[in-house]
N, C-alpha and C. Protein backbone atom coordinates (compact mmCIF):
# COMPACT_ATOMS: atom_id res chain seq x y z
N MET A 1 147.02 -51.88 92.52
CA MET A 1 147.15 -50.43 92.48
C MET A 1 146.86 -49.83 93.85
N GLU A 2 145.79 -50.32 94.50
CA GLU A 2 145.45 -49.80 95.83
C GLU A 2 146.59 -50.03 96.81
N ALA A 3 147.18 -51.20 96.76
CA ALA A 3 148.29 -51.50 97.66
C ALA A 3 149.48 -50.60 97.38
N THR A 4 149.73 -50.31 96.13
CA THR A 4 150.84 -49.43 95.78
C THR A 4 150.58 -48.02 96.25
N TYR A 5 149.35 -47.52 96.06
CA TYR A 5 148.99 -46.20 96.60
C TYR A 5 149.29 -46.17 98.10
N ASP A 6 148.84 -47.21 98.79
CA ASP A 6 149.03 -47.27 100.24
C ASP A 6 150.51 -47.24 100.60
N GLU A 7 151.30 -48.04 99.93
CA GLU A 7 152.73 -48.10 100.24
C GLU A 7 153.44 -46.79 99.91
N LEU A 8 153.11 -46.20 98.77
CA LEU A 8 153.76 -44.94 98.40
C LEU A 8 153.40 -43.82 99.35
N THR A 9 152.14 -43.77 99.77
CA THR A 9 151.75 -42.72 100.70
C THR A 9 152.34 -42.95 102.08
N ARG A 10 152.56 -44.19 102.43
CA ARG A 10 153.11 -44.53 103.73
C ARG A 10 154.64 -44.36 103.77
N TRP A 11 155.32 -44.80 102.71
CA TRP A 11 156.78 -44.89 102.74
C TRP A 11 157.48 -44.01 101.70
N GLY A 12 156.78 -43.51 100.70
CA GLY A 12 157.42 -42.74 99.64
C GLY A 12 158.16 -43.65 98.68
N LEU A 13 158.75 -43.06 97.67
CA LEU A 13 159.51 -43.83 96.69
C LEU A 13 160.77 -44.44 97.30
N GLU A 14 161.37 -43.73 98.25
CA GLU A 14 162.64 -44.20 98.80
C GLU A 14 162.54 -45.59 99.40
N ARG A 15 161.43 -45.88 100.05
CA ARG A 15 161.31 -47.14 100.77
C ARG A 15 160.29 -48.08 100.14
N PHE A 16 159.79 -47.73 98.95
CA PHE A 16 158.82 -48.60 98.28
C PHE A 16 159.52 -49.88 97.85
N ASP A 17 158.87 -51.02 98.13
CA ASP A 17 159.49 -52.32 97.87
C ASP A 17 158.38 -53.32 97.55
N ILE A 18 158.47 -53.99 96.42
CA ILE A 18 157.44 -54.94 96.01
C ILE A 18 157.29 -56.10 97.01
N PRO A 19 158.37 -56.77 97.42
CA PRO A 19 158.17 -57.88 98.37
C PRO A 19 157.47 -57.45 99.67
N THR A 20 157.85 -56.30 100.20
CA THR A 20 157.22 -55.81 101.43
C THR A 20 155.75 -55.49 101.19
N MET A 21 155.47 -54.80 100.08
CA MET A 21 154.08 -54.47 99.75
C MET A 21 153.24 -55.73 99.61
N CYS A 22 153.77 -56.72 98.89
CA CYS A 22 153.01 -57.95 98.67
C CYS A 22 152.77 -58.70 99.97
N ALA A 23 153.76 -58.73 100.84
CA ALA A 23 153.59 -59.40 102.13
C ALA A 23 152.56 -58.66 102.97
N ARG A 24 152.65 -57.35 103.04
CA ARG A 24 151.75 -56.56 103.87
C ARG A 24 150.30 -56.63 103.38
N HIS A 25 150.13 -56.70 102.07
CA HIS A 25 148.77 -56.66 101.49
C HIS A 25 148.29 -58.03 101.00
N ARG A 26 149.09 -59.06 101.27
CA ARG A 26 148.74 -60.44 100.90
C ARG A 26 148.46 -60.55 99.40
N ILE A 27 149.44 -60.11 98.62
CA ILE A 27 149.34 -60.15 97.16
C ILE A 27 150.43 -61.09 96.65
N ASP A 28 150.13 -61.82 95.60
CA ASP A 28 151.09 -62.73 94.98
C ASP A 28 152.18 -61.90 94.28
N GLU A 29 153.39 -61.97 94.81
CA GLU A 29 154.50 -61.17 94.27
C GLU A 29 154.79 -61.53 92.81
N SER A 30 154.69 -62.81 92.45
CA SER A 30 154.99 -63.20 91.07
C SER A 30 154.00 -62.56 90.09
N LEU A 31 152.76 -62.39 90.52
CA LEU A 31 151.76 -61.73 89.68
C LEU A 31 152.12 -60.26 89.45
N VAL A 32 152.50 -59.59 90.51
CA VAL A 32 152.90 -58.18 90.40
C VAL A 32 154.11 -58.05 89.48
N ARG A 33 155.09 -58.90 89.68
CA ARG A 33 156.31 -58.83 88.85
C ARG A 33 156.02 -59.18 87.40
N ARG A 34 155.07 -60.07 87.16
CA ARG A 34 154.73 -60.42 85.77
C ARG A 34 154.20 -59.20 85.02
N TYR A 35 153.38 -58.38 85.68
CA TYR A 35 152.79 -57.21 85.02
C TYR A 35 153.70 -55.99 85.01
N TRP A 36 154.47 -55.77 86.07
CA TRP A 36 155.25 -54.54 86.17
C TRP A 36 156.75 -54.76 86.18
N GLY A 37 157.20 -55.95 86.44
CA GLY A 37 158.64 -56.22 86.41
C GLY A 37 159.36 -55.77 87.66
N ASN A 38 159.33 -54.48 87.94
CA ASN A 38 160.06 -53.98 89.10
C ASN A 38 159.28 -52.87 89.78
N GLY A 39 159.77 -52.50 90.94
CA GLY A 39 159.11 -51.48 91.75
C GLY A 39 159.07 -50.12 91.09
N ARG A 40 160.12 -49.78 90.37
CA ARG A 40 160.17 -48.47 89.71
C ARG A 40 159.05 -48.35 88.68
N THR A 41 158.85 -49.39 87.88
CA THR A 41 157.81 -49.37 86.86
C THR A 41 156.42 -49.32 87.50
N LEU A 42 156.21 -50.10 88.55
CA LEU A 42 154.92 -50.09 89.23
C LEU A 42 154.64 -48.74 89.87
N ALA A 43 155.61 -48.19 90.58
CA ALA A 43 155.43 -46.90 91.24
C ALA A 43 155.14 -45.81 90.21
N LEU A 44 155.89 -45.79 89.11
CA LEU A 44 155.67 -44.80 88.07
C LEU A 44 154.27 -44.94 87.47
N ASP A 45 153.84 -46.17 87.23
CA ASP A 45 152.51 -46.41 86.68
C ASP A 45 151.43 -45.87 87.61
N VAL A 46 151.57 -46.12 88.90
CA VAL A 46 150.58 -45.64 89.87
C VAL A 46 150.59 -44.12 89.95
N LEU A 47 151.77 -43.52 89.98
CA LEU A 47 151.86 -42.06 90.06
C LEU A 47 151.27 -41.40 88.81
N LEU A 48 151.55 -41.98 87.65
CA LEU A 48 150.99 -41.42 86.42
C LEU A 48 149.47 -41.59 86.37
N ASN A 49 148.99 -42.73 86.82
CA ASN A 49 147.55 -42.95 86.86
C ASN A 49 146.88 -41.92 87.77
N TRP A 50 147.47 -41.69 88.94
CA TRP A 50 146.93 -40.69 89.88
C TRP A 50 146.93 -39.30 89.23
N SER A 51 148.02 -38.95 88.59
CA SER A 51 148.14 -37.63 88.00
C SER A 51 147.15 -37.44 86.85
N GLU A 52 147.02 -38.44 86.01
CA GLU A 52 146.16 -38.31 84.83
C GLU A 52 144.68 -38.39 85.17
N GLU A 53 144.33 -38.98 86.33
CA GLU A 53 142.93 -39.03 86.74
C GLU A 53 142.36 -37.62 86.91
N VAL A 54 143.17 -36.71 87.40
CA VAL A 54 142.70 -35.38 87.77
C VAL A 54 143.22 -34.29 86.85
N LEU A 55 144.45 -34.42 86.41
CA LEU A 55 145.12 -33.32 85.74
C LEU A 55 145.19 -33.52 84.23
N THR A 56 144.23 -32.91 83.54
CA THR A 56 144.24 -32.89 82.08
C THR A 56 144.23 -31.42 81.65
N ALA A 57 144.57 -31.20 80.43
CA ALA A 57 144.65 -29.83 79.92
C ALA A 57 143.25 -29.27 79.66
N PRO A 58 142.86 -28.24 80.41
CA PRO A 58 141.56 -27.62 80.15
C PRO A 58 141.57 -26.93 78.78
N ASP A 59 140.40 -26.79 78.19
CA ASP A 59 140.29 -26.12 76.90
C ASP A 59 139.06 -25.23 76.92
N THR A 60 139.21 -24.04 77.50
CA THR A 60 138.08 -23.11 77.62
C THR A 60 138.04 -22.10 76.48
N GLY A 61 139.11 -22.09 75.66
CA GLY A 61 139.18 -21.11 74.57
C GLY A 61 139.92 -19.85 74.96
N SER A 62 140.42 -19.78 76.19
CA SER A 62 141.12 -18.60 76.68
C SER A 62 142.27 -19.03 77.58
N LEU A 63 143.44 -18.44 77.36
CA LEU A 63 144.59 -18.76 78.20
C LEU A 63 144.30 -18.49 79.67
N ARG A 64 143.72 -17.35 79.96
CA ARG A 64 143.48 -16.99 81.36
C ARG A 64 142.56 -18.01 82.05
N THR A 65 141.48 -18.37 81.42
CA THR A 65 140.57 -19.32 82.07
C THR A 65 141.14 -20.74 82.06
N ASP A 66 141.94 -21.08 81.04
CA ASP A 66 142.61 -22.38 81.06
C ASP A 66 143.57 -22.46 82.25
N LEU A 67 144.33 -21.39 82.49
CA LEU A 67 145.26 -21.39 83.63
C LEU A 67 144.50 -21.46 84.95
N ARG A 68 143.38 -20.78 85.01
CA ARG A 68 142.56 -20.84 86.24
C ARG A 68 142.02 -22.26 86.46
N GLU A 69 141.55 -22.89 85.40
CA GLU A 69 141.05 -24.26 85.51
C GLU A 69 142.17 -25.23 85.88
N LEU A 70 143.34 -25.03 85.28
CA LEU A 70 144.49 -25.88 85.60
C LEU A 70 144.88 -25.73 87.07
N ALA A 71 144.94 -24.51 87.55
CA ALA A 71 145.29 -24.27 88.96
C ALA A 71 144.25 -24.89 89.88
N ALA A 72 142.99 -24.79 89.53
CA ALA A 72 141.93 -25.39 90.34
C ALA A 72 142.07 -26.91 90.38
N ALA A 73 142.41 -27.52 89.24
CA ALA A 73 142.57 -28.97 89.19
C ALA A 73 143.75 -29.42 90.05
N VAL A 74 144.85 -28.69 89.98
CA VAL A 74 146.02 -29.03 90.82
C VAL A 74 145.64 -28.90 92.29
N ALA A 75 144.93 -27.84 92.64
CA ALA A 75 144.52 -27.65 94.03
C ALA A 75 143.62 -28.79 94.50
N ARG A 76 142.66 -29.18 93.66
CA ARG A 76 141.79 -30.31 94.04
C ARG A 76 142.61 -31.58 94.26
N GLN A 77 143.59 -31.78 93.41
CA GLN A 77 144.40 -32.99 93.49
C GLN A 77 145.23 -33.03 94.76
N VAL A 78 145.87 -31.93 95.10
CA VAL A 78 146.77 -31.95 96.26
C VAL A 78 146.08 -31.58 97.57
N ASN A 79 144.81 -31.22 97.52
CA ASN A 79 144.08 -30.91 98.74
C ASN A 79 143.55 -32.17 99.44
N THR A 80 143.77 -33.32 98.86
CA THR A 80 143.34 -34.57 99.50
C THR A 80 144.55 -35.19 100.21
N PRO A 81 144.30 -35.98 101.24
CA PRO A 81 145.42 -36.66 101.91
C PRO A 81 146.21 -37.55 100.94
N LEU A 82 145.50 -38.27 100.06
CA LEU A 82 146.19 -39.10 99.08
C LEU A 82 147.03 -38.23 98.15
N GLY A 83 146.46 -37.13 97.68
CA GLY A 83 147.20 -36.25 96.78
C GLY A 83 148.46 -35.70 97.41
N ARG A 84 148.37 -35.24 98.64
CA ARG A 84 149.56 -34.71 99.33
C ARG A 84 150.60 -35.80 99.52
N SER A 85 150.15 -36.97 99.92
CA SER A 85 151.09 -38.06 100.16
C SER A 85 151.78 -38.49 98.88
N LEU A 86 151.01 -38.62 97.79
CA LEU A 86 151.64 -39.03 96.53
C LEU A 86 152.55 -37.94 95.98
N LEU A 87 152.17 -36.68 96.16
CA LEU A 87 153.06 -35.60 95.74
C LEU A 87 154.37 -35.69 96.51
N ARG A 88 154.28 -35.90 97.81
CA ARG A 88 155.50 -36.04 98.63
C ARG A 88 156.32 -37.25 98.19
N ALA A 89 155.65 -38.29 97.74
CA ALA A 89 156.36 -39.49 97.28
C ALA A 89 157.18 -39.22 96.02
N THR A 90 156.82 -38.19 95.26
CA THR A 90 157.57 -37.90 94.04
C THR A 90 158.84 -37.10 94.32
N VAL A 91 159.01 -36.63 95.53
CA VAL A 91 160.22 -35.89 95.89
C VAL A 91 161.25 -36.91 96.37
N VAL A 92 162.26 -37.10 95.54
CA VAL A 92 163.24 -38.15 95.79
C VAL A 92 164.56 -37.52 96.17
N ASP A 93 165.16 -37.99 97.25
CA ASP A 93 166.47 -37.46 97.60
C ASP A 93 167.57 -38.28 96.92
N ASP A 94 168.80 -37.83 97.04
CA ASP A 94 169.93 -38.47 96.35
C ASP A 94 170.21 -39.89 96.84
N ARG A 95 169.76 -40.21 98.03
CA ARG A 95 170.04 -41.53 98.58
C ARG A 95 168.93 -42.52 98.26
N ALA A 96 167.96 -42.12 97.48
CA ALA A 96 166.80 -42.96 97.22
C ALA A 96 167.17 -44.20 96.43
N ALA A 97 166.37 -45.23 96.65
CA ALA A 97 166.57 -46.47 95.92
C ALA A 97 166.17 -46.31 94.46
N PHE A 98 165.29 -45.35 94.17
CA PHE A 98 164.85 -45.12 92.80
C PHE A 98 165.75 -44.08 92.15
N THR A 99 166.10 -44.36 90.93
CA THR A 99 166.94 -43.41 90.22
C THR A 99 166.14 -42.18 89.86
N ASP A 100 166.84 -41.12 89.57
CA ASP A 100 166.21 -39.84 89.25
C ASP A 100 165.28 -39.94 88.05
N ASP A 101 165.50 -40.92 87.15
CA ASP A 101 164.66 -41.00 85.95
C ASP A 101 163.21 -41.34 86.28
N THR A 102 162.93 -41.98 87.41
CA THR A 102 161.55 -42.27 87.78
C THR A 102 160.81 -40.96 88.03
N ARG A 103 161.41 -40.09 88.80
CA ARG A 103 160.81 -38.80 89.09
C ARG A 103 160.70 -37.97 87.81
N MET A 104 161.75 -37.94 87.01
CA MET A 104 161.72 -37.15 85.78
C MET A 104 160.67 -37.67 84.80
N LYS A 105 160.52 -38.97 84.69
CA LYS A 105 159.50 -39.52 83.80
C LYS A 105 158.11 -39.09 84.26
N PHE A 106 157.90 -39.09 85.57
CA PHE A 106 156.60 -38.65 86.10
C PHE A 106 156.35 -37.20 85.71
N TRP A 107 157.31 -36.31 85.99
CA TRP A 107 157.10 -34.88 85.72
C TRP A 107 157.03 -34.59 84.23
N GLN A 108 157.82 -35.29 83.40
CA GLN A 108 157.74 -35.09 81.96
C GLN A 108 156.37 -35.47 81.42
N ARG A 109 155.84 -36.58 81.88
CA ARG A 109 154.51 -37.01 81.44
C ARG A 109 153.45 -36.04 81.94
N ARG A 110 153.59 -35.58 83.18
CA ARG A 110 152.63 -34.62 83.74
C ARG A 110 152.62 -33.34 82.91
N PHE A 111 153.80 -32.82 82.56
CA PHE A 111 153.87 -31.62 81.73
C PHE A 111 153.34 -31.88 80.33
N ALA A 112 153.62 -33.05 79.77
CA ALA A 112 153.11 -33.37 78.44
C ALA A 112 151.58 -33.37 78.42
N ASN A 113 150.96 -33.81 79.51
CA ASN A 113 149.50 -33.84 79.58
C ASN A 113 148.87 -32.45 79.62
N ILE A 114 149.59 -31.48 80.18
CA ILE A 114 149.01 -30.14 80.31
C ILE A 114 149.61 -29.12 79.33
N ARG A 115 150.62 -29.53 78.60
CA ARG A 115 151.25 -28.65 77.62
C ARG A 115 150.27 -28.04 76.61
N PRO A 116 149.23 -28.77 76.21
CA PRO A 116 148.29 -28.17 75.24
C PRO A 116 147.71 -26.83 75.67
N VAL A 117 147.64 -26.56 76.97
CA VAL A 117 147.16 -25.25 77.42
C VAL A 117 148.01 -24.15 76.80
N ILE A 118 149.32 -24.30 76.85
CA ILE A 118 150.24 -23.29 76.33
C ILE A 118 150.29 -23.35 74.81
N ASP A 119 150.30 -24.55 74.26
CA ASP A 119 150.35 -24.69 72.79
C ASP A 119 149.12 -24.06 72.13
N ARG A 120 147.94 -24.29 72.69
CA ARG A 120 146.73 -23.70 72.11
C ARG A 120 146.74 -22.17 72.25
N ALA A 121 147.23 -21.69 73.41
CA ALA A 121 147.31 -20.24 73.61
C ALA A 121 148.25 -19.62 72.58
N ALA A 122 149.36 -20.29 72.30
CA ALA A 122 150.30 -19.79 71.30
C ALA A 122 149.62 -19.75 69.92
N ALA A 123 148.89 -20.80 69.58
CA ALA A 123 148.20 -20.85 68.29
C ALA A 123 147.15 -19.75 68.18
N ARG A 124 146.55 -19.36 69.29
CA ARG A 124 145.54 -18.29 69.29
C ARG A 124 146.18 -16.90 69.37
N GLY A 125 147.51 -16.85 69.49
CA GLY A 125 148.21 -15.57 69.59
C GLY A 125 148.11 -14.93 70.96
N GLU A 126 147.87 -15.72 71.98
CA GLU A 126 147.69 -15.17 73.33
C GLU A 126 148.99 -15.09 74.14
N LEU A 127 150.07 -15.67 73.64
CA LEU A 127 151.34 -15.66 74.38
C LEU A 127 152.25 -14.56 73.88
N ARG A 128 152.99 -13.97 74.80
CA ARG A 128 154.02 -13.03 74.36
C ARG A 128 155.15 -13.83 73.73
N PRO A 129 155.90 -13.21 72.83
CA PRO A 129 156.98 -13.94 72.15
C PRO A 129 158.04 -14.45 73.13
N GLY A 130 158.58 -15.62 72.82
CA GLY A 130 159.69 -16.16 73.59
C GLY A 130 159.33 -16.87 74.87
N VAL A 131 158.06 -17.14 75.13
CA VAL A 131 157.66 -17.82 76.36
C VAL A 131 158.12 -19.28 76.31
N ASP A 132 158.82 -19.69 77.34
CA ASP A 132 159.25 -21.08 77.48
C ASP A 132 158.07 -21.88 78.04
N VAL A 133 157.68 -22.94 77.35
CA VAL A 133 156.49 -23.70 77.71
C VAL A 133 156.61 -24.30 79.11
N ILE A 134 157.73 -24.94 79.39
CA ILE A 134 157.91 -25.57 80.71
C ILE A 134 157.90 -24.51 81.80
N ALA A 135 158.59 -23.42 81.60
CA ALA A 135 158.61 -22.35 82.61
C ALA A 135 157.21 -21.79 82.83
N ALA A 136 156.43 -21.66 81.76
CA ALA A 136 155.07 -21.14 81.89
C ALA A 136 154.21 -22.07 82.74
N LEU A 137 154.33 -23.36 82.50
CA LEU A 137 153.56 -24.32 83.30
C LEU A 137 154.05 -24.36 84.74
N GLN A 138 155.35 -24.22 84.92
CA GLN A 138 155.90 -24.21 86.28
C GLN A 138 155.43 -22.99 87.07
N LEU A 139 155.14 -21.91 86.40
CA LEU A 139 154.62 -20.73 87.10
C LEU A 139 153.31 -21.05 87.81
N VAL A 140 152.54 -21.96 87.24
CA VAL A 140 151.28 -22.36 87.85
C VAL A 140 151.51 -23.50 88.85
N LEU A 141 152.21 -24.53 88.43
CA LEU A 141 152.35 -25.73 89.25
C LEU A 141 153.23 -25.55 90.48
N ALA A 142 154.35 -24.87 90.33
CA ALA A 142 155.33 -24.82 91.42
C ALA A 142 154.78 -24.23 92.72
N PRO A 143 154.14 -23.05 92.70
CA PRO A 143 153.66 -22.52 93.97
C PRO A 143 152.61 -23.41 94.64
N LEU A 144 151.75 -24.03 93.84
CA LEU A 144 150.71 -24.88 94.40
C LEU A 144 151.31 -26.15 94.99
N ASN A 145 152.24 -26.75 94.25
CA ASN A 145 152.88 -27.97 94.75
C ASN A 145 153.75 -27.69 95.97
N LEU A 146 154.45 -26.57 95.96
CA LEU A 146 155.28 -26.24 97.12
C LEU A 146 154.44 -26.01 98.37
N ARG A 147 153.33 -25.33 98.21
CA ARG A 147 152.45 -25.13 99.38
C ARG A 147 151.95 -26.48 99.89
N ALA A 148 151.60 -27.37 98.98
CA ALA A 148 151.11 -28.69 99.39
C ALA A 148 152.21 -29.53 100.04
N LEU A 149 153.44 -29.37 99.56
CA LEU A 149 154.55 -30.14 100.12
C LEU A 149 154.95 -29.67 101.51
N TYR A 150 154.91 -28.38 101.73
CA TYR A 150 155.50 -27.84 102.96
C TYR A 150 154.50 -27.35 103.99
N THR A 151 153.21 -27.43 103.69
CA THR A 151 152.20 -27.04 104.69
C THR A 151 151.09 -28.07 104.69
N THR A 152 150.27 -27.98 105.70
CA THR A 152 149.06 -28.80 105.73
C THR A 152 147.84 -27.95 105.40
N ASP A 153 148.08 -26.68 105.11
CA ASP A 153 146.98 -25.77 104.79
C ASP A 153 146.35 -26.15 103.46
N PRO A 154 145.03 -26.13 103.39
CA PRO A 154 144.38 -26.37 102.10
C PRO A 154 144.67 -25.21 101.14
N ILE A 155 144.72 -25.53 99.89
CA ILE A 155 144.89 -24.49 98.87
C ILE A 155 143.50 -24.02 98.50
N ASP A 156 143.17 -22.80 98.92
CA ASP A 156 141.82 -22.30 98.69
C ASP A 156 141.70 -21.66 97.31
N ASP A 157 140.45 -21.37 96.94
CA ASP A 157 140.17 -20.81 95.62
C ASP A 157 140.91 -19.50 95.38
N ALA A 158 140.92 -18.64 96.37
CA ALA A 158 141.56 -17.33 96.20
C ALA A 158 143.05 -17.49 95.89
N TYR A 159 143.71 -18.41 96.58
CA TYR A 159 145.15 -18.60 96.35
C TYR A 159 145.42 -19.17 94.96
N HIS A 160 144.73 -20.25 94.58
CA HIS A 160 145.07 -20.83 93.27
C HIS A 160 144.64 -19.92 92.13
N GLN A 161 143.60 -19.11 92.30
CA GLN A 161 143.23 -18.16 91.26
C GLN A 161 144.27 -17.04 91.16
N THR A 162 144.80 -16.61 92.29
CA THR A 162 145.86 -15.60 92.28
C THR A 162 147.09 -16.12 91.55
N ILE A 163 147.46 -17.36 91.81
CA ILE A 163 148.62 -17.97 91.13
C ILE A 163 148.36 -18.01 89.62
N ALA A 164 147.18 -18.43 89.21
CA ALA A 164 146.85 -18.50 87.78
C ALA A 164 146.91 -17.12 87.14
N ASP A 165 146.38 -16.13 87.83
CA ASP A 165 146.39 -14.78 87.29
C ASP A 165 147.81 -14.21 87.19
N LEU A 166 148.64 -14.50 88.19
CA LEU A 166 150.04 -14.05 88.13
C LEU A 166 150.75 -14.69 86.94
N ALA A 167 150.51 -15.98 86.74
CA ALA A 167 151.12 -16.66 85.59
C ALA A 167 150.62 -16.06 84.27
N TRP A 168 149.32 -15.81 84.21
CA TRP A 168 148.75 -15.21 82.99
C TRP A 168 149.40 -13.86 82.70
N HIS A 169 149.53 -13.01 83.72
CA HIS A 169 150.15 -11.70 83.51
C HIS A 169 151.60 -11.84 83.03
N ALA A 170 152.28 -12.88 83.48
CA ALA A 170 153.67 -13.07 83.11
C ALA A 170 153.86 -13.56 81.68
N ILE A 171 152.91 -14.34 81.16
CA ILE A 171 153.14 -14.98 79.85
C ILE A 171 152.23 -14.49 78.73
N ALA A 172 151.18 -13.79 79.05
CA ALA A 172 150.21 -13.37 78.04
C ALA A 172 150.70 -12.18 77.22
N ALA A 173 150.33 -12.19 75.96
CA ALA A 173 150.57 -11.02 75.11
C ALA A 173 149.54 -9.97 75.51
N HIS A 174 150.00 -8.79 75.80
CA HIS A 174 149.08 -7.72 76.25
C HIS A 174 149.05 -6.59 75.26
């Protein structure tokens, strides 16, 4: 796993390669292939492990504070060099060796892990009618991830709280 983190942060998904990783890190390639089969499966497993270590659905009893906690968790995750590098590794161009389903599986699982924030808010009657769950989560995640992808600036508390509050105003029943 450590070697895969290193390779993904160094080369991204486009250039991730099991034989190269195993040679560089002195790992038995047959052992890696026995457990993961191929690079796509290994890379996805590492990315999901990284995402799930930090990003779980908060449950504070309030949509507003759940969104604030979610934004804070995303900021903590992408404010580290590893977090920024792995986030950048999930951005795959059309020429990539990995098919688009690797990236989509990562994002689908990531959204599934945090979806309970919106589902619980709906059950408590805190959402305005017709809110799209994915769009609601993207209101929080997209600005934070974009800032992490395109700048080296840390995401400070004021910024991620502002994003959470903007999302809350957009989706909350008032």
